[in-house]
PDB file of N, CA and C in Angstrom:
ATOM      1  N   MET A   1       4.637 -30.572  10.609  1.00  0.00           N
ATOM      2  CA  MET A   1       4.111 -31.065   9.574  1.00  0.00           C
ATOM      3  C   MET A   1       2.560 -30.726   9.350  1.00  0.00           C
ATOM      4  N   ILE A   2       1.529 -29.973  10.482  1.00  0.00           N
ATOM      5  CA  ILE A   2       0.541 -29.335  10.352  1.00  0.00           C
ATOM      6  C   ILE A   2       0.787 -27.822   9.743  1.00  0.00           C
ATOM      7  N   ILE A   3       2.308 -27.304   9.985  1.00  0.00           N
ATOM      8  CA  ILE A   3       2.609 -26.032   9.337  1.00  0.00           C
ATOM      9  C   ILE A   3       2.495 -26.220   7.768  1.00  0.00           C
ATOM     10  N   ARG A   4       2.950 -27.565   7.404  1.00  0.00           N
ATOM     11  CA  ARG A   4       3.049 -27.470   5.959  1.00  0.00           C
ATOM     12  C   ARG A   4       1.821 -27.515   5.339  1.00  0.00           C
ATOM     13  N   LEU A   5       0.549 -28.093   5.605  1.00  0.00           N
ATOM     14  CA  LEU A   5      -0.126 -28.381   5.405  1.00  0.00           C
ATOM     15  C   LEU A   5      -1.269 -27.106   5.299  1.00  0.00           C
ATOM     16  N   ILE A   6      -0.979 -26.038   6.289  1.00  0.00           N
ATOM     17  CA  ILE A   6      -1.634 -24.945   6.123  1.00  0.00           C
ATOM     18  C   ILE A   6      -0.813 -23.886   5.476  1.00  0.00           C
ATOM     19  N   VAL A   7       0.559 -24.047   5.259  1.00  0.00           N
ATOM     20  CA  VAL A   7       1.306 -23.033   4.060  1.00  0.00           C
ATOM     21  C   VAL A   7       0.807 -23.609   2.694  1.00  0.00           C
ATOM     22  N   GLU A   8       0.396 -25.149   2.327  1.00  0.00           N
ATOM     23  CA  GLU A   8       0.480 -25.395   1.127  1.00  0.00           C
ATOM     24  C   GLU A   8      -1.271 -25.316   0.637  1.00  0.00           C
ATOM     25  N   ARG A   9      -2.048 -25.027   1.659  1.00  0.00           N
ATOM     26  CA  ARG A   9      -3.513 -24.543   1.712  1.00  0.00           C
ATOM     27  C   ARG A   9      -3.474 -22.827   1.044  1.00  0.00           C
ATOM     28  N   VAL A  10      -2.761 -22.640   1.697  1.00  0.00           N
ATOM     29  CA  VAL A  10      -2.748 -20.804   1.723  1.00  0.00           C
ATOM     30  C   VAL A  10      -2.011 -20.549   0.518  1.00  0.00           C
ATOM     31  N   ASN A  11      -0.902 -21.204   0.187  1.00  0.00           N
ATOM     32  CA  ASN A  11      -0.757 -21.072  -1.325  1.00  0.00           C
ATOM     33  C   ASN A  11      -1.515 -21.480  -2.380  1.00  0.00           C
ATOM     34  N   ALA A  12      -2.464 -22.495  -2.399  1.00  0.00           N
ATOM     35  CA  ALA A  12      -2.964 -22.795  -3.258  1.00  0.00           C
ATOM     36  C   ALA A  12      -4.110 -21.702  -3.273  1.00  0.00           C
ATOM     37  N   GLY A  13      -4.681 -21.153  -2.216  1.00  0.00           N
ATOM     38  CA  GLY A  13      -5.765 -20.527  -2.107  1.00  0.00           C
ATOM     39  C   GLY A  13      -5.158 -19.143  -2.922  1.00  0.00           C
ATOM     40  N   LEU A  14      -4.149 -18.877  -3.155  1.00  0.00           N
ATOM     41  CA  LEU A  14      -3.946 -17.301  -3.407  1.00  0.00           C
ATOM     42  C   LEU A  14      -3.148 -17.828  -5.034  1.00  0.00           C
ATOM     43  N   ALA A  15      -3.094 -18.783  -5.151  1.00  0.00           N
ATOM     44  CA  ALA A  15      -3.201 -18.980  -6.888  1.00  0.00           C
ATOM     45  C   ALA A  15      -3.875 -19.610  -7.713  1.00  0.00           C
ATOM     46  N   ARG A  16      -5.251 -19.882  -6.814  1.00  0.00           N
ATOM     47  CA  ARG A  16      -6.422 -19.876  -7.227  1.00  0.00           C
ATOM     48  C   ARG A  16      -6.951 -18.761  -7.167  1.00  0.00           C
ATOM     49  N   ALA A  17      -6.940 -17.637  -6.564  1.00  0.00           N
ATOM     50  CA  ALA A  17      -7.296 -16.708  -6.719  1.00  0.00           C
ATOM     51  C   ALA A  17      -6.766 -15.351  -7.709  1.00  0.00           C
ATOM     52  N   ARG A  18      -5.094 -15.760  -7.687  1.00  0.00           N
ATOM     53  CA  ARG A  18      -4.529 -15.353  -8.859  1.00  0.00           C
ATOM     54  C   ARG A  18      -4.780 -15.437 -10.283  1.00  0.00           C
ATOM     55  N   SER A  19      -5.124 -16.997 -10.305  1.00  0.00           N
ATOM     56  CA  SER A  19      -5.850 -17.443 -12.027  1.00  0.00           C
ATOM     57  C   SER A  19      -7.484 -16.755 -12.666  1.00  0.00           C
ATOM     58  N   ARG A  20      -7.988 -16.572 -10.974  1.00  0.00           N
ATOM     59  CA  ARG A  20      -9.318 -15.969 -11.162  1.00  0.00           C
ATOM     60  C   ARG A  20      -8.960 -14.684 -11.807  1.00  0.00           C
ATOM     61  N   GLY A  21      -7.817 -14.002 -11.476  1.00  0.00           N
ATOM     62  CA  GLY A  21      -7.922 -12.425 -11.718  1.00  0.00           C
ATOM     63  C   GLY A  21      -7.954 -11.445 -10.662  1.00  0.00           C
ATOM     64  N   VAL A  22      -8.078 -11.944  -9.489  1.00  0.00           N
ATOM     65  CA  VAL A  22      -7.922 -11.106  -8.250  1.00  0.00           C
ATOM     66  C   VAL A  22      -7.195 -10.375  -8.120  1.00  0.00           C
ATOM     67  N   THR A  23      -7.167  -9.246  -7.768  1.00  0.00           N
ATOM     68  CA  THR A  23      -5.861  -8.408  -7.397  1.00  0.00           C
ATOM     69  C   THR A  23      -5.756  -8.564  -5.761  1.00  0.00           C
ATOM     70  N   LEU A  24      -4.557  -8.784  -5.583  1.00  0.00           N
ATOM     71  CA  LEU A  24      -3.983  -9.525  -3.884  1.00  0.00           C
ATOM     72  C   LEU A  24      -3.396  -8.009  -3.099  1.00  0.00           C
ATOM     73  N   GLY A  25      -3.678  -7.727  -2.249  1.00  0.00           N
ATOM     74  CA  GLY A  25      -2.903  -6.781  -1.462  1.00  0.00           C
ATOM     75  C   GLY A  25      -3.772  -5.384  -1.065  1.00  0.00           C
ATOM     76  N   ARG A  26      -2.835  -4.259  -0.868  1.00  0.00           N
ATOM     77  CA  ARG A  26      -3.851  -3.250  -0.250  1.00  0.00           C
ATOM     78  C   ARG A  26      -4.204  -2.420  -1.851  1.00  0.00           C
ATOM     79  N   PRO A  27      -5.031  -1.880  -1.712  1.00  0.00           N
ATOM     80  CA  PRO A  27      -5.280  -0.813  -2.884  1.00  0.00           C
ATOM     81  C   PRO A  27      -4.196  -0.177  -3.243  1.00  0.00           C
ATOM     82  N   ARG A  28      -3.856   0.270  -4.484  1.00  0.00           N
ATOM     83  CA  ARG A  28      -2.819   1.694  -4.655  1.00  0.00           C
ATOM     84  C   ARG A  28      -3.393   2.795  -4.538  1.00  0.00           C
ATOM     85  N   THR A  29      -2.243   3.718  -4.126  1.00  0.00           N
ATOM     86  CA  THR A  29      -2.532   5.218  -3.597  1.00  0.00           C
ATOM     87  C   THR A  29      -2.629   5.663  -5.487  1.00  0.00           C
ATOM     88  N   ASP A  30      -4.195   6.692  -5.805  1.00  0.00           N
ATOM     89  CA  ASP A  30      -4.212   7.326  -6.472  1.00  0.00           C
ATOM     90  C   ASP A  30      -3.076   8.286  -6.790  1.00  0.00           C
ATOM     91  N   PRO A  31      -2.349   8.376  -8.128  1.00  0.00           N
ATOM     92  CA  PRO A  31      -1.251   9.007  -8.635  1.00  0.00           C
ATOM     93  C   PRO A  31      -1.466  11.035  -8.595  1.00  0.00           C
ATOM     94  N   LYS A  32      -2.232  10.820  -8.238  1.00  0.00           N
ATOM     95  CA  LYS A  32      -2.723  12.301  -8.004  1.00  0.00           C
ATOM     96  C   LYS A  32      -2.351  12.529  -6.278  1.00  0.00           C
ATOM     97  N   VAL A  33      -2.710  11.737  -5.593  1.00  0.00           N
ATOM     98  CA  VAL A  33      -2.696  11.853  -4.498  1.00  0.00           C
ATOM     99  C   VAL A  33      -0.901  11.966  -3.861  1.00  0.00           C
ATOM    100  N   GLU A  34      -0.325  10.855  -4.787  1.00  0.00           N
ATOM    101  CA  GLU A  34       1.372  11.153  -4.306  1.00  0.00           C
ATOM    102  C   GLU A  34       1.757  12.248  -5.348  1.00  0.00           C
ATOM    103  N   GLN A  35       1.465  12.500  -5.967  1.00  0.00           N
ATOM    104  CA  GLN A  35       2.170  13.994  -6.584  1.00  0.00           C
ATOM    105  C   GLN A  35       1.884  15.025  -5.841  1.00  0.00           C
ATOM    106  N   ARG A  36       0.380  15.186  -5.084  1.00  0.00           N
ATOM    107  CA  ARG A  36       0.118  16.021  -4.022  1.00  0.00           C
ATOM    108  C   ARG A  36       1.471  15.777  -2.794  1.00  0.00           C
ATOM    109  N   ILE A  37       1.757  14.684  -2.288  1.00  0.00           N
ATOM    110  CA  ILE A  37       2.124  14.307  -1.719  1.00  0.00           C
ATOM    111  C   ILE A  37       3.856  15.313  -1.768  1.00  0.00           C
ATOM    112  N   ARG A  38       3.854  14.867  -2.566  1.00  0.00           N
ATOM    113  CA  ARG A  38       5.671  15.256  -3.463  1.00  0.00           C
ATOM    114  C   ARG A  38       5.635  16.575  -3.388  1.00  0.00           C
ATOM    115  N   ASP A  39       4.505  17.245  -3.990  1.00  0.00           N
ATOM    116  CA  ASP A  39       4.505  18.882  -4.204  1.00  0.00           C
ATOM    117  C   ASP A  39       4.550  19.778  -2.558  1.00  0.00           C
ATOM    118  N   ARG A  40       3.683  19.372  -1.390  1.00  0.00           N
ATOM    119  CA  ARG A  40       3.858  19.358  -0.600  1.00  0.00           C
ATOM    120  C   ARG A  40       5.018  19.360   0.230  1.00  0.00           C
ATOM    121  N   ALA A  41       5.661  18.338   0.222  1.00  0.00           N
ATOM    122  CA  ALA A  41       6.767  17.860   0.311  1.00  0.00           C
ATOM    123  C   ALA A  41       8.217  18.905  -0.223  1.00  0.00           C
ATOM    124  N   ALA A  42       8.175  18.966  -1.048  1.00  0.00           N
ATOM    125  CA  ALA A  42       8.970  19.956  -1.842  1.00  0.00           C
ATOM    126  C   ALA A  42       8.956  21.500  -1.205  1.00  0.00           C
ATOM    127  N   THR A  43       8.059  21.710  -0.790  1.00  0.00           N
ATOM    128  CA  THR A  43       7.951  22.941  -0.040  1.00  0.00           C
ATOM    129  C   THR A  43       8.502  23.084   1.821  1.00  0.00           C
ATOM    130  N   GLY A  44       8.467  21.912   2.134  1.00  0.00           N
ATOM    131  CA  GLY A  44       9.405  21.922   3.522  1.00  0.00           C
ATOM    132  C   GLY A  44       8.102  21.501   4.415  1.00  0.00           C
ATOM    133  N   MET A  45       6.782  20.915   3.887  1.00  0.00           N
ATOM    134  CA  MET A  45       5.716  20.839   4.797  1.00  0.00           C
ATOM    135  C   MET A  45       6.546  19.336   5.594  1.00  0.00           C
ATOM    136  N   GLY A  46       5.943  19.399   6.420  1.00  0.00           N
ATOM    137  CA  GLY A  46       6.219  17.824   7.331  1.00  0.00           C
ATOM    138  C   GLY A  46       5.224  16.414   6.979  1.00  0.00           C
ATOM    139  N   LYS A  47       5.709  15.400   7.687  1.00  0.00           N
ATOM    140  CA  LYS A  47       5.226  14.486   7.022  1.00  0.00           C
ATOM    141  C   LYS A  47       4.152  14.635   7.497  1.00  0.00           C
ATOM    142  N   LEU A  48       3.618  14.339   8.772  1.00  0.00           N
ATOM    143  CA  LEU A  48       2.666  14.131   9.414  1.00  0.00           C
ATOM    144  C   LEU A  48       1.575  15.752   9.101  1.00  0.00           C
ATOM    145  N   LYS A  49       2.083  16.597   8.774  1.00  0.00           N
ATOM    146  CA  LYS A  49       1.179  17.407   8.561  1.00  0.00           C
ATOM    147  C   LYS A  49       0.355  17.539   7.170  1.00  0.00           C
ATOM    148  N   ILE A  50       1.243  16.954   6.090  1.00  0.00           N
ATOM    149  CA  ILE A  50       0.708  16.226   5.037  1.00  0.00           C
ATOM    150  C   ILE A  50       0.245  15.125   5.041  1.00  0.00           C
ATOM    151  N   ALA A  51       0.028  14.218   5.940  1.00  0.00           N
ATOM    152  CA  ALA A  51      -0.813  13.383   6.254  1.00  0.00           C
ATOM    153  C   ALA A  51      -2.149  13.638   6.203  1.00  0.00           C
ATOM    154  N   ARG A  52      -2.449  14.598   7.422  1.00  0.00           N
ATOM    155  CA  ARG A  52      -3.563  15.317   7.892  1.00  0.00           C
ATOM    156  C   ARG A  52      -3.994  16.079   6.917  1.00  0.00           C
ATOM    157  N   THR A  53      -3.082  16.659   5.999  1.00  0.00           N
ATOM    158  CA  THR A  53      -3.806  17.657   5.196  1.00  0.00           C
ATOM    159  C   THR A  53      -4.792  16.856   4.306  1.00  0.00           C
ATOM    160  N   LEU A  54      -4.085  15.689   3.623  1.00  0.00           N
ATOM    161  CA  LEU A  54      -4.296  14.822   2.471  1.00  0.00           C
ATOM    162  C   LEU A  54      -5.367  13.841   3.028  1.00  0.00           C
ATOM    163  N   GLY A  55      -5.415  13.606   4.034  1.00  0.00           N
ATOM    164  CA  GLY A  55      -6.257  12.343   4.766  1.00  0.00           C
ATOM    165  C   GLY A  55      -5.604  11.226   4.630  1.00  0.00           C
ATOM    166  N   VAL A  56      -4.636  10.947   4.503  1.00  0.00           N
ATOM    167  CA  VAL A  56      -3.822   9.944   4.149  1.00  0.00           C
ATOM    168  C   VAL A  56      -3.129   9.348   5.575  1.00  0.00           C
ATOM    169  N   GLY A  57      -2.648   7.897   5.233  1.00  0.00           N
ATOM    170  CA  GLY A  57      -1.737   7.610   6.695  1.00  0.00           C
ATOM    171  C   GLY A  57      -0.415   8.215   6.760  1.00  0.00           C
ATOM    172  N   VAL A  58       0.432   8.552   7.393  1.00  0.00           N
ATOM    173  CA  VAL A  58       1.850   8.714   7.672  1.00  0.00           C
ATOM    174  C   VAL A  58       2.565   7.451   7.009  1.00  0.00           C
ATOM    175  N   SER A  59       2.158   6.513   7.355  1.00  0.00           N
ATOM    176  CA  SER A  59       3.162   5.273   6.255  1.00  0.00           C
ATOM    177  C   SER A  59       3.138   5.647   4.772  1.00  0.00           C
ATOM    178  N   VAL A  60       2.035   5.928   4.227  1.00  0.00           N
ATOM    179  CA  VAL A  60       1.549   6.593   2.954  1.00  0.00           C
ATOM    180  C   VAL A  60       2.606   7.662   2.398  1.00  0.00           C
ATOM    181  N   VAL A  61       2.738   8.511   3.150  1.00  0.00           N
ATOM    182  CA  VAL A  61       3.704   9.678   2.891  1.00  0.00           C
ATOM    183  C   VAL A  61       4.989   9.508   2.898  1.00  0.00           C
ATOM    184  N   GLN A  62       4.995   8.689   3.690  1.00  0.00           N
ATOM    185  CA  GLN A  62       6.555   7.680   3.961  1.00  0.00           C
ATOM    186  C   GLN A  62       6.840   7.252   2.663  1.00  0.00           C
ATOM    187  N   ARG A  63       5.696   6.158   2.423  1.00  0.00           N
ATOM    188  CA  ARG A  63       6.526   4.935   1.165  1.00  0.00           C
ATOM    189  C   ARG A  63       6.469   6.377  -0.201  1.00  0.00           C
ATOM    190  N   VAL A  64       5.626   7.056  -0.151  1.00  0.00           N
ATOM    191  CA  VAL A  64       5.975   8.046  -1.462  1.00  0.00           C
ATOM    192  C   VAL A  64       7.193   8.586  -1.761  1.00  0.00           C
ATOM    193  N   LEU A  65       7.452   8.742  -0.154  1.00  0.00           N
ATOM    194  CA  LEU A  65       8.709  10.042  -0.308  1.00  0.00           C
ATOM    195  C   LEU A  65       9.977   9.495  -0.310  1.00  0.00           C
ATOM    196  N   THR A  66      10.033   8.155  -0.237  1.00  0.00           N
ATOM    197  CA  THR A  66      11.567   7.335  -0.451  1.00  0.00           C
ATOM    198  C   THR A  66      11.321   6.751  -1.468  1.00  0.00           C
TER     199      THR A  66
END
C-alpha cells in the first residue's frame, strides 16, 4: 500500500519535470568522443586503454562499441 503511494509520487514528480522541459537521465557523451572511441577500437586498441586515453569510463566505451 505504501509502495503504491511512493511509486505514484515519484511518477508525478517525473511527469512534472518533463512538463517543465527538464532533461532526465545521464548526460550524453559528446559525438566527437564517440568517434574517437570507434577510431581507436578500429586500430585494435583495448577498451580499458581507450577509456584511460580519452578520460571516460570503460562502460562508456563498451556502450559505444555495441
